[in-house]
PDB file of N, CA and C in Angstrom:
ATOM      1  N   MET A   1     130.580 107.735 137.523  1.00  0.00           N
ATOM      2  CA  MET A   1     130.514 109.079 137.000  1.00  0.00           C
ATOM      3  C   MET A   1     130.242 109.030 135.498  1.00  0.00           C
ATOM      4  N   ILE A   2     129.434 109.955 135.042  1.00  0.00           N
ATOM      5  CA  ILE A   2     129.101 110.036 133.623  1.00  0.00           C
ATOM      6  C   ILE A   2     130.032 111.037 132.952  1.00  0.00           C
ATOM      7  N   ASN A   3     130.618 110.650 131.844  1.00  0.00           N
ATOM      8  CA  ASN A   3     131.458 111.556 131.071  1.00  0.00           C
ATOM      9  C   ASN A   3     130.683 112.056 129.864  1.00  0.00           C
ATOM     10  N   ILE A   4     130.590 113.356 129.740  1.00  0.00           N
ATOM     11  CA  ILE A   4     129.901 113.966 128.606  1.00  0.00           C
ATOM     12  C   ILE A   4     130.913 114.780 127.825  1.00  0.00           C
ATOM     13  N   THR A   5     130.958 114.556 126.529  1.00  0.00           N
ATOM     14  CA  THR A   5     131.821 115.327 125.651  1.00  0.00           C
ATOM     15  C   THR A   5     130.943 116.185 124.759  1.00  0.00           C
ATOM     16  N   VAL A   6     131.110 117.478 124.870  1.00  0.00           N
ATOM     17  CA  VAL A   6     130.324 118.397 124.051  1.00  0.00           C
ATOM     18  C   VAL A   6     130.794 118.260 122.604  1.00  0.00           C
ATOM     19  N   PRO A   7     129.856 118.080 121.676  1.00  0.00           N
ATOM     20  CA  PRO A   7     130.258 117.929 120.278  1.00  0.00           C
ATOM     21  C   PRO A   7     130.896 119.198 119.725  1.00  0.00           C
ATOM     22  N   LYS A   8     131.721 119.013 118.719  1.00  0.00           N
ATOM     23  CA  LYS A   8     132.325 120.153 118.024  1.00  0.00           C
ATOM     24  C   LYS A   8     131.220 120.892 117.279  1.00  0.00           C
ATOM     25  N   PRO A   9     131.285 122.217 117.232  1.00  0.00           N
ATOM     26  CA  PRO A   9     130.250 122.974 116.519  1.00  0.00           C
ATOM     27  C   PRO A   9     130.230 122.635 115.026  1.00  0.00           C
ATOM     28  N   ASP A  10     129.029 122.504 114.488  1.00  0.00           N
ATOM     29  CA  ASP A  10     128.867 122.290 113.052  1.00  0.00           C
ATOM     30  C   ASP A  10     128.926 123.616 112.311  1.00  0.00           C
ATOM     31  N   VAL A  11     128.503 124.683 112.969  1.00  0.00           N
ATOM     32  CA  VAL A  11     128.494 126.017 112.366  1.00  0.00           C
ATOM     33  C   VAL A  11     128.898 127.026 113.431  1.00  0.00           C
ATOM     34  N   THR A  12     129.734 127.974 113.050  1.00  0.00           N
ATOM     35  CA  THR A  12     130.072 129.108 113.910  1.00  0.00           C
ATOM     36  C   THR A  12     129.920 130.362 113.077  1.00  0.00           C
ATOM     37  N   ILE A  13     129.145 131.310 113.582  1.00  0.00           N
ATOM     38  CA  ILE A  13     129.027 132.590 112.886  1.00  0.00           C
ATOM     39  C   ILE A  13     129.454 133.695 113.841  1.00  0.00           C
ATOM     40  N   THR A  14     130.082 134.720 113.276  1.00  0.00           N
ATOM     41  CA  THR A  14     130.638 135.813 114.059  1.00  0.00           C
ATOM     42  C   THR A  14     130.054 137.126 113.582  1.00  0.00           C
ATOM     43  N   LYS A  15     129.889 138.045 114.521  1.00  0.00           N
ATOM     44  CA  LYS A  15     129.371 139.377 114.206  1.00  0.00           C
ATOM     45  C   LYS A  15     130.312 140.049 113.211  1.00  0.00           C
ATOM     46  N   GLN A  16     129.746 140.718 112.235  1.00  0.00           N
ATOM     47  CA  GLN A  16     130.525 141.391 111.207  1.00  0.00           C
ATOM     48  C   GLN A  16     130.945 142.790 111.656  1.00  0.00           C
ATOM     49  N   ILE A  17     132.019 143.267 111.068  1.00  0.00           N
ATOM     50  CA  ILE A  17     132.534 144.588 111.401  1.00  0.00           C
ATOM     51  C   ILE A  17     131.561 145.676 110.962  1.00  0.00           C
ATOM     52  N   ASN A  18     130.903 145.485 109.826  1.00  0.00           N
ATOM     53  CA  ASN A  18     129.937 146.451 109.319  1.00  0.00           C
ATOM     54  C   ASN A  18     128.527 145.975 109.629  1.00  0.00           C
ATOM     55  N   PRO A  19     128.029 146.241 110.825  1.00  0.00           N
ATOM     56  CA  PRO A  19     126.713 145.718 111.200  1.00  0.00           C
ATOM     57  C   PRO A  19     125.566 146.275 110.364  1.00  0.00           C
ATOM     58  N   GLU A  20     125.788 147.377 109.642  1.00  0.00           N
ATOM     59  CA  GLU A  20     124.714 147.914 108.810  1.00  0.00           C
ATOM     60  C   GLU A  20     124.364 146.982 107.657  1.00  0.00           C
ATOM     61  N   MET A  21     125.213 146.002 107.394  1.00  0.00           N
ATOM     62  CA  MET A  21     124.935 145.016 106.350  1.00  0.00           C
ATOM     63  C   MET A  21     123.852 144.040 106.798  1.00  0.00           C
ATOM     64  N   SER A  22     123.556 143.995 108.077  1.00  0.00           N
ATOM     65  CA  SER A  22     122.582 143.046 108.613  1.00  0.00           C
ATOM     66  C   SER A  22     121.600 143.758 109.522  1.00  0.00           C
ATOM     67  N   ASN A  23     120.372 143.317 109.483  1.00  0.00           N
ATOM     68  CA  ASN A  23     119.391 143.889 110.392  1.00  0.00           C
ATOM     69  C   ASN A  23     119.278 143.079 111.678  1.00  0.00           C
ATOM     70  N   ILE A  24     120.126 142.080 111.847  1.00  0.00           N
ATOM     71  CA  ILE A  24     120.057 141.228 113.042  1.00  0.00           C
ATOM     72  C   ILE A  24     121.363 141.364 113.827  1.00  0.00           C
ATOM     73  N   TYR A  25     121.546 142.490 114.471  1.00  0.00           N
ATOM     74  CA  TYR A  25     122.650 142.740 115.380  1.00  0.00           C
ATOM     75  C   TYR A  25     124.027 142.406 114.811  1.00  0.00           C
ATOM     76  N   GLY A  26     124.225 142.660 113.539  1.00  0.00           N
ATOM     77  CA  GLY A  26     125.536 142.475 112.926  1.00  0.00           C
ATOM     78  C   GLY A  26     125.815 141.084 112.394  1.00  0.00           C
ATOM     79  N   PHE A  27     124.875 140.159 112.503  1.00  0.00           N
ATOM     80  CA  PHE A  27     125.087 138.803 111.997  1.00  0.00           C
ATOM     81  C   PHE A  27     124.515 138.690 110.588  1.00  0.00           C
ATOM     82  N   THR A  28     125.348 138.240 109.659  1.00  0.00           N
ATOM     83  CA  THR A  28     124.924 138.136 108.262  1.00  0.00           C
ATOM     84  C   THR A  28     124.878 136.697 107.759  1.00  0.00           C
ATOM     85  N   ASP A  29     125.353 135.753 108.534  1.00  0.00           N
ATOM     86  CA  ASP A  29     125.492 134.373 108.056  1.00  0.00           C
ATOM     87  C   ASP A  29     124.460 133.412 108.626  1.00  0.00           C
ATOM     88  N   PHE A  30     123.280 133.889 108.954  1.00  0.00           N
ATOM     89  CA  PHE A  30     122.245 132.994 109.480  1.00  0.00           C
ATOM     90  C   PHE A  30     121.887 131.889 108.494  1.00  0.00           C
ATOM     91  N   HIS A  31     122.130 132.130 107.199  1.00  0.00           N
ATOM     92  CA  HIS A  31     121.810 131.114 106.189  1.00  0.00           C
ATOM     93  C   HIS A  31     122.655 129.846 106.366  1.00  0.00           C
ATOM     94  N   LEU A  32     123.753 129.930 107.091  1.00  0.00           N
ATOM     95  CA  LEU A  32     124.600 128.752 107.333  1.00  0.00           C
ATOM     96  C   LEU A  32     124.000 127.804 108.376  1.00  0.00           C
ATOM     97  N   ILE A  33     123.073 128.309 109.175  1.00  0.00           N
ATOM     98  CA  ILE A  33     122.442 127.512 110.224  1.00  0.00           C
ATOM     99  C   ILE A  33     121.248 126.780 109.627  1.00  0.00           C
ATOM    100  N   SER A  34     121.146 125.509 109.919  1.00  0.00           N
ATOM    101  CA  SER A  34     120.073 124.681 109.375  1.00  0.00           C
ATOM    102  C   SER A  34     118.700 125.236 109.727  1.00  0.00           C
ATOM    103  N   ARG A  35     117.829 125.224 108.751  1.00  0.00           N
ATOM    104  CA  ARG A  35     116.457 125.682 108.937  1.00  0.00           C
ATOM    105  C   ARG A  35     115.579 124.556 109.484  1.00  0.00           C
ATOM    106  N   GLU A  36     115.927 123.311 109.181  1.00  0.00           N
ATOM    107  CA  GLU A  36     115.064 122.173 109.498  1.00  0.00           C
ATOM    108  C   GLU A  36     115.594 121.262 110.603  1.00  0.00           C
ATOM    109  N   LYS A  37     116.858 121.360 110.943  1.00  0.00           N
ATOM    110  CA  LYS A  37     117.438 120.429 111.923  1.00  0.00           C
ATOM    111  C   LYS A  37     117.436 121.019 113.322  1.00  0.00           C
ATOM    112  N   GLY A  38     117.478 120.120 114.300  1.00  0.00           N
ATOM    113  CA  GLY A  38     117.513 120.513 115.694  1.00  0.00           C
ATOM    114  C   GLY A  38     118.918 120.432 116.252  1.00  0.00           C
ATOM    115  N   GLY A  39     119.103 121.043 117.405  1.00  0.00           N
ATOM    116  CA  GLY A  39     120.405 120.989 118.035  1.00  0.00           C
ATOM    117  C   GLY A  39     120.500 121.947 119.200  1.00  0.00           C
ATOM    118  N   ILE A  40     121.741 122.284 119.539  1.00  0.00           N
ATOM    119  CA  ILE A  40     122.011 123.224 120.614  1.00  0.00           C
ATOM    120  C   ILE A  40     122.762 124.418 120.038  1.00  0.00           C
ATOM    121  N   PHE A  41     122.607 125.560 120.704  1.00  0.00           N
ATOM    122  CA  PHE A  41     123.320 126.762 120.272  1.00  0.00           C
ATOM    123  C   PHE A  41     123.893 127.450 121.493  1.00  0.00           C
ATOM    124  N   MET A  42     125.001 128.147 121.266  1.00  0.00           N
ATOM    125  CA  MET A  42     125.691 128.847 122.344  1.00  0.00           C
ATOM    126  C   MET A  42     126.056 130.245 121.870  1.00  0.00           C
ATOM    127  N   PHE A  43     125.745 131.243 122.690  1.00  0.00           N
ATOM    128  CA  PHE A  43     126.091 132.627 122.403  1.00  0.00           C
ATOM    129  C   PHE A  43     127.310 132.994 123.243  1.00  0.00           C
ATOM    130  N   TYR A  44     128.320 133.587 122.597  1.00  0.00           N
ATOM    131  CA  TYR A  44     129.555 133.997 123.267  1.00  0.00           C
ATOM    132  C   TYR A  44     129.797 135.488 123.068  1.00  0.00           C
ATOM    133  N   ASN A  45     130.534 136.105 124.006  1.00  0.00           N
ATOM    134  CA  ASN A  45     130.955 137.484 123.812  1.00  0.00           C
ATOM    135  C   ASN A  45     132.354 137.500 123.206  1.00  0.00           C
ATOM    136  N   LYS A  46     132.945 138.687 123.053  1.00  0.00           N
ATOM    137  CA  LYS A  46     134.274 138.802 122.434  1.00  0.00           C
ATOM    138  C   LYS A  46     135.362 138.118 123.251  1.00  0.00           C
ATOM    139  N   GLN A  47     135.150 137.994 124.549  1.00  0.00           N
ATOM    140  CA  GLN A  47     136.140 137.361 125.422  1.00  0.00           C
ATOM    141  C   GLN A  47     135.955 135.845 125.498  1.00  0.00           C
ATOM    142  N   GLU A  48     135.094 135.302 124.626  1.00  0.00           N
ATOM    143  CA  GLU A  48     134.814 133.860 124.571  1.00  0.00           C
ATOM    144  C   GLU A  48     134.113 133.348 125.831  1.00  0.00           C
ATOM    145  N   GLU A  49     133.438 134.224 126.575  1.00  0.00           N
ATOM    146  CA  GLU A  49     132.641 133.799 127.723  1.00  0.00           C
ATOM    147  C   GLU A  49     131.284 133.339 127.218  1.00  0.00           C
ATOM    148  N   LEU A  50     130.808 132.231 127.748  1.00  0.00           N
ATOM    149  CA  LEU A  50     129.494 131.740 127.360  1.00  0.00           C
ATOM    150  C   LEU A  50     128.434 132.620 127.999  1.00  0.00           C
ATOM    151  N   LEU A  51     127.604 133.223 127.154  1.00  0.00           N
ATOM    152  CA  LEU A  51     126.534 134.083 127.637  1.00  0.00           C
ATOM    153  C   LEU A  51     125.238 133.308 127.834  1.00  0.00           C
ATOM    154  N   PHE A  52     124.933 132.418 126.879  1.00  0.00           N
ATOM    155  CA  PHE A  52     123.649 131.729 126.903  1.00  0.00           C
ATOM    156  C   PHE A  52     123.755 130.460 126.076  1.00  0.00           C
ATOM    157  N   ALA A  53     123.111 129.405 126.518  1.00  0.00           N
ATOM    158  CA  ALA A  53     123.030 128.159 125.758  1.00  0.00           C
ATOM    159  C   ALA A  53     121.568 127.750 125.689  1.00  0.00           C
ATOM    160  N   GLY A  54     121.184 127.186 124.556  1.00  0.00           N
ATOM    161  CA  GLY A  54     119.806 126.756 124.397  1.00  0.00           C
ATOM    162  C   GLY A  54     119.706 125.605 123.424  1.00  0.00           C
ATOM    163  N   LYS A  55     118.498 125.088 123.282  1.00  0.00           N
ATOM    164  CA  LYS A  55     118.254 123.984 122.369  1.00  0.00           C
ATOM    165  C   LYS A  55     117.044 124.328 121.524  1.00  0.00           C
ATOM    166  N   ALA A  56     116.923 123.648 120.380  1.00  0.00           N
ATOM    167  CA  ALA A  56     115.791 123.928 119.502  1.00  0.00           C
ATOM    168  C   ALA A  56     115.538 122.775 118.554  1.00  0.00           C
ATOM    169  N   ARG A  57     114.271 122.611 118.178  1.00  0.00           N
ATOM    170  CA  ARG A  57     113.918 121.620 117.147  1.00  0.00           C
ATOM    171  C   ARG A  57     114.270 122.153 115.771  1.00  0.00           C
ATOM    172  N   LYS A  58     114.163 123.461 115.591  1.00  0.00           N
ATOM    173  CA  LYS A  58     114.530 124.132 114.337  1.00  0.00           C
ATOM    174  C   LYS A  58     115.438 125.297 114.712  1.00  0.00           C
ATOM    175  N   LEU A  59     116.723 125.098 114.476  1.00  0.00           N
ATOM    176  CA  LEU A  59     117.740 125.989 115.017  1.00  0.00           C
ATOM    177  C   LEU A  59     117.654 127.439 114.529  1.00  0.00           C
ATOM    178  N   ARG A  60     117.617 127.636 113.224  1.00  0.00           N
ATOM    179  CA  ARG A  60     117.685 129.003 112.707  1.00  0.00           C
ATOM    180  C   ARG A  60     116.551 129.865 113.254  1.00  0.00           C
ATOM    181  N   GLN A  61     115.347 129.323 113.249  1.00  0.00           N
ATOM    182  CA  GLN A  61     114.195 130.083 113.736  1.00  0.00           C
ATOM    183  C   GLN A  61     114.347 130.446 115.209  1.00  0.00           C
ATOM    184  N   ARG A  62     114.806 129.503 115.999  1.00  0.00           N
ATOM    185  CA  ARG A  62     114.928 129.743 117.439  1.00  0.00           C
ATOM    186  C   ARG A  62     116.008 130.773 117.748  1.00  0.00           C
ATOM    187  N   ILE A  63     117.142 130.666 117.069  1.00  0.00           N
ATOM    188  CA  ILE A  63     118.233 131.617 117.307  1.00  0.00           C
ATOM    189  C   ILE A  63     117.798 133.024 116.903  1.00  0.00           C
ATOM    190  N   LYS A  64     117.143 133.144 115.758  1.00  0.00           N
ATOM    191  CA  LYS A  64     116.676 134.461 115.319  1.00  0.00           C
ATOM    192  C   LYS A  64     115.674 135.057 116.304  1.00  0.00           C
ATOM    193  N   LYS A  65     114.852 134.207 116.896  1.00  0.00           N
ATOM    194  CA  LYS A  65     113.869 134.691 117.875  1.00  0.00           C
ATOM    195  C   LYS A  65     114.544 135.374 119.066  1.00  0.00           C
ATOM    196  N   HIS A  66     115.716 134.884 119.447  1.00  0.00           N
ATOM    197  CA  HIS A  66     116.437 135.507 120.558  1.00  0.00           C
ATOM    198  C   HIS A  66     116.842 136.942 120.231  1.00  0.00           C
ATOM    199  N   PHE A  67     116.984 137.256 118.953  1.00  0.00           N
ATOM    200  CA  PHE A  67     117.366 138.604 118.550  1.00  0.00           C
ATOM    201  C   PHE A  67     116.165 139.474 118.191  1.00  0.00           C
ATOM    202  N   GLU A  68     115.004 138.860 118.015  1.00  0.00           N
ATOM    203  CA  GLU A  68     113.832 139.609 117.573  1.00  0.00           C
ATOM    204  C   GLU A  68     112.708 139.656 118.609  1.00  0.00           C
ATOM    205  N   ASP A  69     112.650 138.689 119.491  1.00  0.00           N
ATOM    206  CA  ASP A  69     111.536 138.520 120.415  1.00  0.00           C
ATOM    207  C   ASP A  69     111.660 139.457 121.624  1.00  0.00           C
ATOM    208  N   ASN A  70     110.546 139.967 122.086  1.00  0.00           N
ATOM    209  CA  ASN A  70     110.549 140.856 123.248  1.00  0.00           C
ATOM    210  C   ASN A  70     110.614 140.114 124.578  1.00  0.00           C
ATOM    211  N   VAL A  71     110.372 138.813 124.583  1.00  0.00           N
ATOM    212  CA  VAL A  71     110.377 138.057 125.839  1.00  0.00           C
ATOM    213  C   VAL A  71     111.616 137.172 125.998  1.00  0.00           C
ATOM    214  N   SER A  72     112.549 137.265 125.085  1.00  0.00           N
ATOM    215  CA  SER A  72     113.771 136.471 125.184  1.00  0.00           C
ATOM    216  C   SER A  72     114.595 136.895 126.399  1.00  0.00           C
ATOM    217  N   PRO A  73     115.153 135.916 127.133  1.00  0.00           N
ATOM    218  CA  PRO A  73     116.018 136.286 128.254  1.00  0.00           C
ATOM    219  C   PRO A  73     117.282 137.018 127.787  1.00  0.00           C
ATOM    220  N   MET A  74     117.570 136.970 126.501  1.00  0.00           N
ATOM    221  CA  MET A  74     118.746 137.635 125.943  1.00  0.00           C
ATOM    222  C   MET A  74     118.462 139.071 125.518  1.00  0.00           C
ATOM    223  N   LYS A  75     117.226 139.510 125.590  1.00  0.00           N
ATOM    224  CA  LYS A  75     116.855 140.841 125.091  1.00  0.00           C
ATOM    225  C   LYS A  75     117.785 141.956 125.593  1.00  0.00           C
ATOM    226  N   PRO A  76     118.063 142.061 126.895  1.00  0.00           N
ATOM    227  CA  PRO A  76     118.927 143.164 127.349  1.00  0.00           C
ATOM    228  C   PRO A  76     120.407 142.981 126.983  1.00  0.00           C
ATOM    229  N   TYR A  77     120.774 141.800 126.499  1.00  0.00           N
ATOM    230  CA  TYR A  77     122.190 141.487 126.294  1.00  0.00           C
ATOM    231  C   TYR A  77     122.542 141.207 124.834  1.00  0.00           C
ATOM    232  N   ARG A  78     121.650 141.476 123.931  1.00  0.00           N
ATOM    233  CA  ARG A  78     121.858 141.136 122.514  1.00  0.00           C
ATOM    234  C   ARG A  78     123.124 141.755 121.935  1.00  0.00           C
ATOM    235  N   GLU A  79     123.437 142.968 122.345  1.00  0.00           N
ATOM    236  CA  GLU A  79     124.620 143.654 121.818  1.00  0.00           C
ATOM    237  C   GLU A  79     125.918 142.951 122.226  1.00  0.00           C
ATOM    238  N   GLU A  80     125.886 142.213 123.323  1.00  0.00           N
ATOM    239  CA  GLU A  80     127.081 141.513 123.802  1.00  0.00           C
ATOM    240  C   GLU A  80     127.445 140.305 122.939  1.00  0.00           C
ATOM    241  N   VAL A  81     126.465 139.729 122.263  1.00  0.00           N
ATOM    242  CA  VAL A  81     126.703 138.493 121.511  1.00  0.00           C
ATOM    243  C   VAL A  81     127.618 138.797 120.332  1.00  0.00           C
ATOM    244  N   TYR A  82     128.746 138.094 120.302  1.00  0.00           N
ATOM    245  CA  TYR A  82     129.735 138.285 119.244  1.00  0.00           C
ATOM    246  C   TYR A  82     129.865 137.038 118.371  1.00  0.00           C
ATOM    247  N   LYS A  83     129.639 135.877 118.972  1.00  0.00           N
ATOM    248  CA  LYS A  83     129.812 134.613 118.242  1.00  0.00           C
ATOM    249  C   LYS A  83     128.683 133.670 118.610  1.00  0.00           C
ATOM    250  N   ILE A  84     128.211 132.930 117.614  1.00  0.00           N
ATOM    251  CA  ILE A  84     127.182 131.911 117.826  1.00  0.00           C
ATOM    252  C   ILE A  84     127.737 130.589 117.318  1.00  0.00           C
ATOM    253  N   ARG A  85     127.704 129.588 118.183  1.00  0.00           N
ATOM    254  CA  ARG A  85     128.131 128.240 117.791  1.00  0.00           C
ATOM    255  C   ARG A  85     126.920 127.326 117.824  1.00  0.00           C
ATOM    256  N   VAL A  86     126.826 126.462 116.825  1.00  0.00           N
ATOM    257  CA  VAL A  86     125.672 125.582 116.672  1.00  0.00           C
ATOM    258  C   VAL A  86     126.148 124.145 116.485  1.00  0.00           C
ATOM    259  N   CYS A  87     125.532 123.226 117.220  1.00  0.00           N
ATOM    260  CA  CYS A  87     125.789 121.795 117.072  1.00  0.00           C
ATOM    261  C   CYS A  87     124.487 121.118 116.674  1.00  0.00           C
ATOM    262  N   ILE A  88     124.512 120.371 115.578  1.00  0.00           N
ATOM    263  CA  ILE A  88     123.330 119.637 115.128  1.00  0.00           C
ATOM    264  C   ILE A  88     123.195 118.382 115.985  1.00  0.00           C
ATOM    265  N   ILE A  89     122.070 118.258 116.672  1.00  0.00           N
ATOM    266  CA  ILE A  89     121.768 117.089 117.505  1.00  0.00           C
ATOM    267  C   ILE A  89     120.289 116.809 117.324  1.00  0.00           C
ATOM    268  N   GLU A  90     119.973 115.764 116.623  1.00  0.00           N
ATOM    269  CA  GLU A  90     118.578 115.479 116.280  1.00  0.00           C
ATOM    270  C   GLU A  90     117.770 114.890 117.440  1.00  0.00           C
ATOM    271  N   ASP A  91     118.388 114.123 118.306  1.00  0.00           N
ATOM    272  CA  ASP A  91     117.661 113.469 119.389  1.00  0.00           C
ATOM    273  C   ASP A  91     117.290 114.481 120.476  1.00  0.00           C
ATOM    274  N   PRO A  92     115.987 114.639 120.787  1.00  0.00           N
ATOM    275  CA  PRO A  92     115.572 115.630 121.778  1.00  0.00           C
ATOM    276  C   PRO A  92     116.120 115.381 123.184  1.00  0.00           C
ATOM    277  N   THR A  93     116.267 114.127 123.564  1.00  0.00           N
ATOM    278  CA  THR A  93     116.811 113.821 124.891  1.00  0.00           C
ATOM    279  C   THR A  93     118.273 114.239 124.972  1.00  0.00           C
ATOM    280  N   GLU A  94     119.026 113.961 123.926  1.00  0.00           N
ATOM    281  CA  GLU A  94     120.437 114.360 123.896  1.00  0.00           C
ATOM    282  C   GLU A  94     120.569 115.879 123.931  1.00  0.00           C
ATOM    283  N   ARG A  95     119.700 116.582 123.195  1.00  0.00           N
ATOM    284  CA  ARG A  95     119.729 118.054 123.209  1.00  0.00           C
ATOM    285  C   ARG A  95     119.543 118.574 124.630  1.00  0.00           C
ATOM    286  N   ASP A  96     118.594 117.993 125.342  1.00  0.00           N
ATOM    287  CA  ASP A  96     118.304 118.433 126.708  1.00  0.00           C
ATOM    288  C   ASP A  96     119.497 118.183 127.630  1.00  0.00           C
ATOM    289  N   ILE A  97     120.114 117.021 127.494  1.00  0.00           N
ATOM    290  CA  ILE A  97     121.280 116.682 128.317  1.00  0.00           C
ATOM    291  C   ILE A  97     122.443 117.629 128.025  1.00  0.00           C
ATOM    292  N   TYR A  98     122.733 117.836 126.749  1.00  0.00           N
ATOM    293  CA  TYR A  98     123.837 118.738 126.383  1.00  0.00           C
ATOM    294  C   TYR A  98     123.581 120.160 126.863  1.00  0.00           C
ATOM    295  N   GLU A  99     122.364 120.644 126.687  1.00  0.00           N
ATOM    296  CA  GLU A  99     122.055 122.008 127.117  1.00  0.00           C
ATOM    297  C   GLU A  99     122.288 122.166 128.618  1.00  0.00           C
ATOM    298  N   THR A 100     121.754 121.263 129.411  1.00  0.00           N
ATOM    299  CA  THR A 100     121.904 121.333 130.867  1.00  0.00           C
ATOM    300  C   THR A 100     123.378 121.234 131.257  1.00  0.00           C
ATOM    301  N   TYR A 101     124.105 120.329 130.625  1.00  0.00           N
ATOM    302  CA  TYR A 101     125.527 120.156 130.916  1.00  0.00           C
ATOM    303  C   TYR A 101     126.316 121.423 130.594  1.00  0.00           C
ATOM    304  N   ILE A 102     126.092 121.980 129.412  1.00  0.00           N
ATOM    305  CA  ILE A 102     126.837 123.171 128.976  1.00  0.00           C
ATOM    306  C   ILE A 102     126.542 124.364 129.885  1.00  0.00           C
ATOM    307  N   VAL A 103     125.268 124.574 130.211  1.00  0.00           N
ATOM    308  CA  VAL A 103     124.882 125.697 131.075  1.00  0.00           C
ATOM    309  C   VAL A 103     125.622 125.618 132.405  1.00  0.00           C
ATOM    310  N   ASN A 104     125.722 124.442 132.974  1.00  0.00           N
ATOM    311  CA  ASN A 104     126.335 124.290 134.289  1.00  0.00           C
ATOM    312  C   ASN A 104     127.850 124.149 134.245  1.00  0.00           C
ATOM    313  N   LYS A 105     128.371 123.438 133.293  1.00  0.00           N
ATOM    314  CA  LYS A 105     129.823 123.244 133.192  1.00  0.00           C
ATOM    315  C   LYS A 105     130.538 124.558 132.878  1.00  0.00           C
ATOM    316  N   TYR A 106     129.983 125.332 131.947  1.00  0.00           N
ATOM    317  CA  TYR A 106     130.630 126.570 131.505  1.00  0.00           C
ATOM    318  C   TYR A 106     129.987 127.816 132.109  1.00  0.00           C
ATOM    319  N   ARG A 107     129.044 127.613 133.042  1.00  0.00           N
ATOM    320  CA  ARG A 107     128.400 128.692 133.792  1.00  0.00           C
ATOM    321  C   ARG A 107     127.915 129.815 132.891  1.00  0.00           C
ATOM    322  N   ALA A 108     126.977 129.459 132.028  1.00  0.00           N
ATOM    323  CA  ALA A 108     126.395 130.429 131.108  1.00  0.00           C
ATOM    324  C   ALA A 108     125.853 131.617 131.895  1.00  0.00           C
ATOM    325  N   LYS A 109     126.275 132.786 131.515  1.00  0.00           N
ATOM    326  CA  LYS A 109     126.019 134.010 132.271  1.00  0.00           C
ATOM    327  C   LYS A 109     124.535 134.380 132.377  1.00  0.00           C
ATOM    328  N   TYR A 110     123.758 134.157 131.323  1.00  0.00           N
ATOM    329  CA  TYR A 110     122.377 134.634 131.310  1.00  0.00           C
ATOM    330  C   TYR A 110     121.318 133.536 131.269  1.00  0.00           C
ATOM    331  N   ASN A 111     121.705 132.296 131.443  1.00  0.00           N
ATOM    332  CA  ASN A 111     120.709 131.232 131.556  1.00  0.00           C
ATOM    333  C   ASN A 111     120.116 131.274 132.959  1.00  0.00           C
ATOM    334  N   VAL A 112     118.815 131.175 133.038  1.00  0.00           N
ATOM    335  CA  VAL A 112     118.167 131.163 134.348  1.00  0.00           C
ATOM    336  C   VAL A 112     117.554 129.795 134.657  1.00  0.00           C
ATOM    337  N   ASP A 113     117.240 129.047 133.631  1.00  0.00           N
ATOM    338  CA  ASP A 113     116.702 127.694 133.813  1.00  0.00           C
ATOM    339  C   ASP A 113     117.839 126.679 133.805  1.00  0.00           C
ATOM    340  N   LYS A 114     117.625 125.582 134.442  1.00  0.00           N
ATOM    341  CA  LYS A 114     118.555 124.437 134.461  1.00  0.00           C
ATOM    342  C   LYS A 114     119.890 124.767 135.092  1.00  0.00           C
ATOM    343  N   VAL A 115     119.931 125.743 135.970  1.00  0.00           N
ATOM    344  CA  VAL A 115     121.177 126.133 136.623  1.00  0.00           C
ATOM    345  C   VAL A 115     121.255 125.444 137.984  1.00  0.00           C
ATOM    346  N   PHE A 116     122.349 124.724 138.194  1.00  0.00           N
ATOM    347  CA  PHE A 116     122.561 124.021 139.457  1.00  0.00           C
ATOM    348  C   PHE A 116     123.705 124.604 140.277  1.00  0.00           C
ATOM    349  N   TYR A 117     124.464 125.550 139.724  1.00  0.00           N
ATOM    350  CA  TYR A 117     125.673 126.025 140.396  1.00  0.00           C
ATOM    351  C   TYR A 117     125.460 127.239 141.276  1.00  0.00           C
ATOM    352  N   LYS A 118     124.257 127.814 141.328  1.00  0.00           N
ATOM    353  CA  LYS A 118     124.058 129.022 142.156  1.00  0.00           C
ATOM    354  C   LYS A 118     123.661 128.654 143.556  1.00  0.00           C
TER     355      LYS A 118
END
C-alpha cells in the first residue's frame, strides 16, 4: 500500500467580511499566492468541506481564472468558496498525484475529473 501525506498549506487566504474591498468574490490576499511557482490548491466552504481541488504551473493565475473564467467548473459555486489553501509543489508528477489523491480522499464536491469514488 502507498502512503501519501498531503503537505501542509504554504498559504491560506480567507474571504473578507467586507467583500466590496475586493473585486474577486471577497478575496483580497491573492498577492500572498506565488505568481511563478506551481502547486495544488483547494477551495473550501465555511463548513471546511472541500469544494474543489486543482493543480497549476502558475498558481495565482490559475486560481484567479476560477473566479473570472466563464468555463470554470466552479462558476456556479464561486459564492460558496470561503477559504483557499495552496501548497507549493514544483514537480508536475507530484502535483498530479496529490491532486488525484485529495479529490478522492476528501471527496471534493465539484471536481468532475479524476474521481474514482462515484
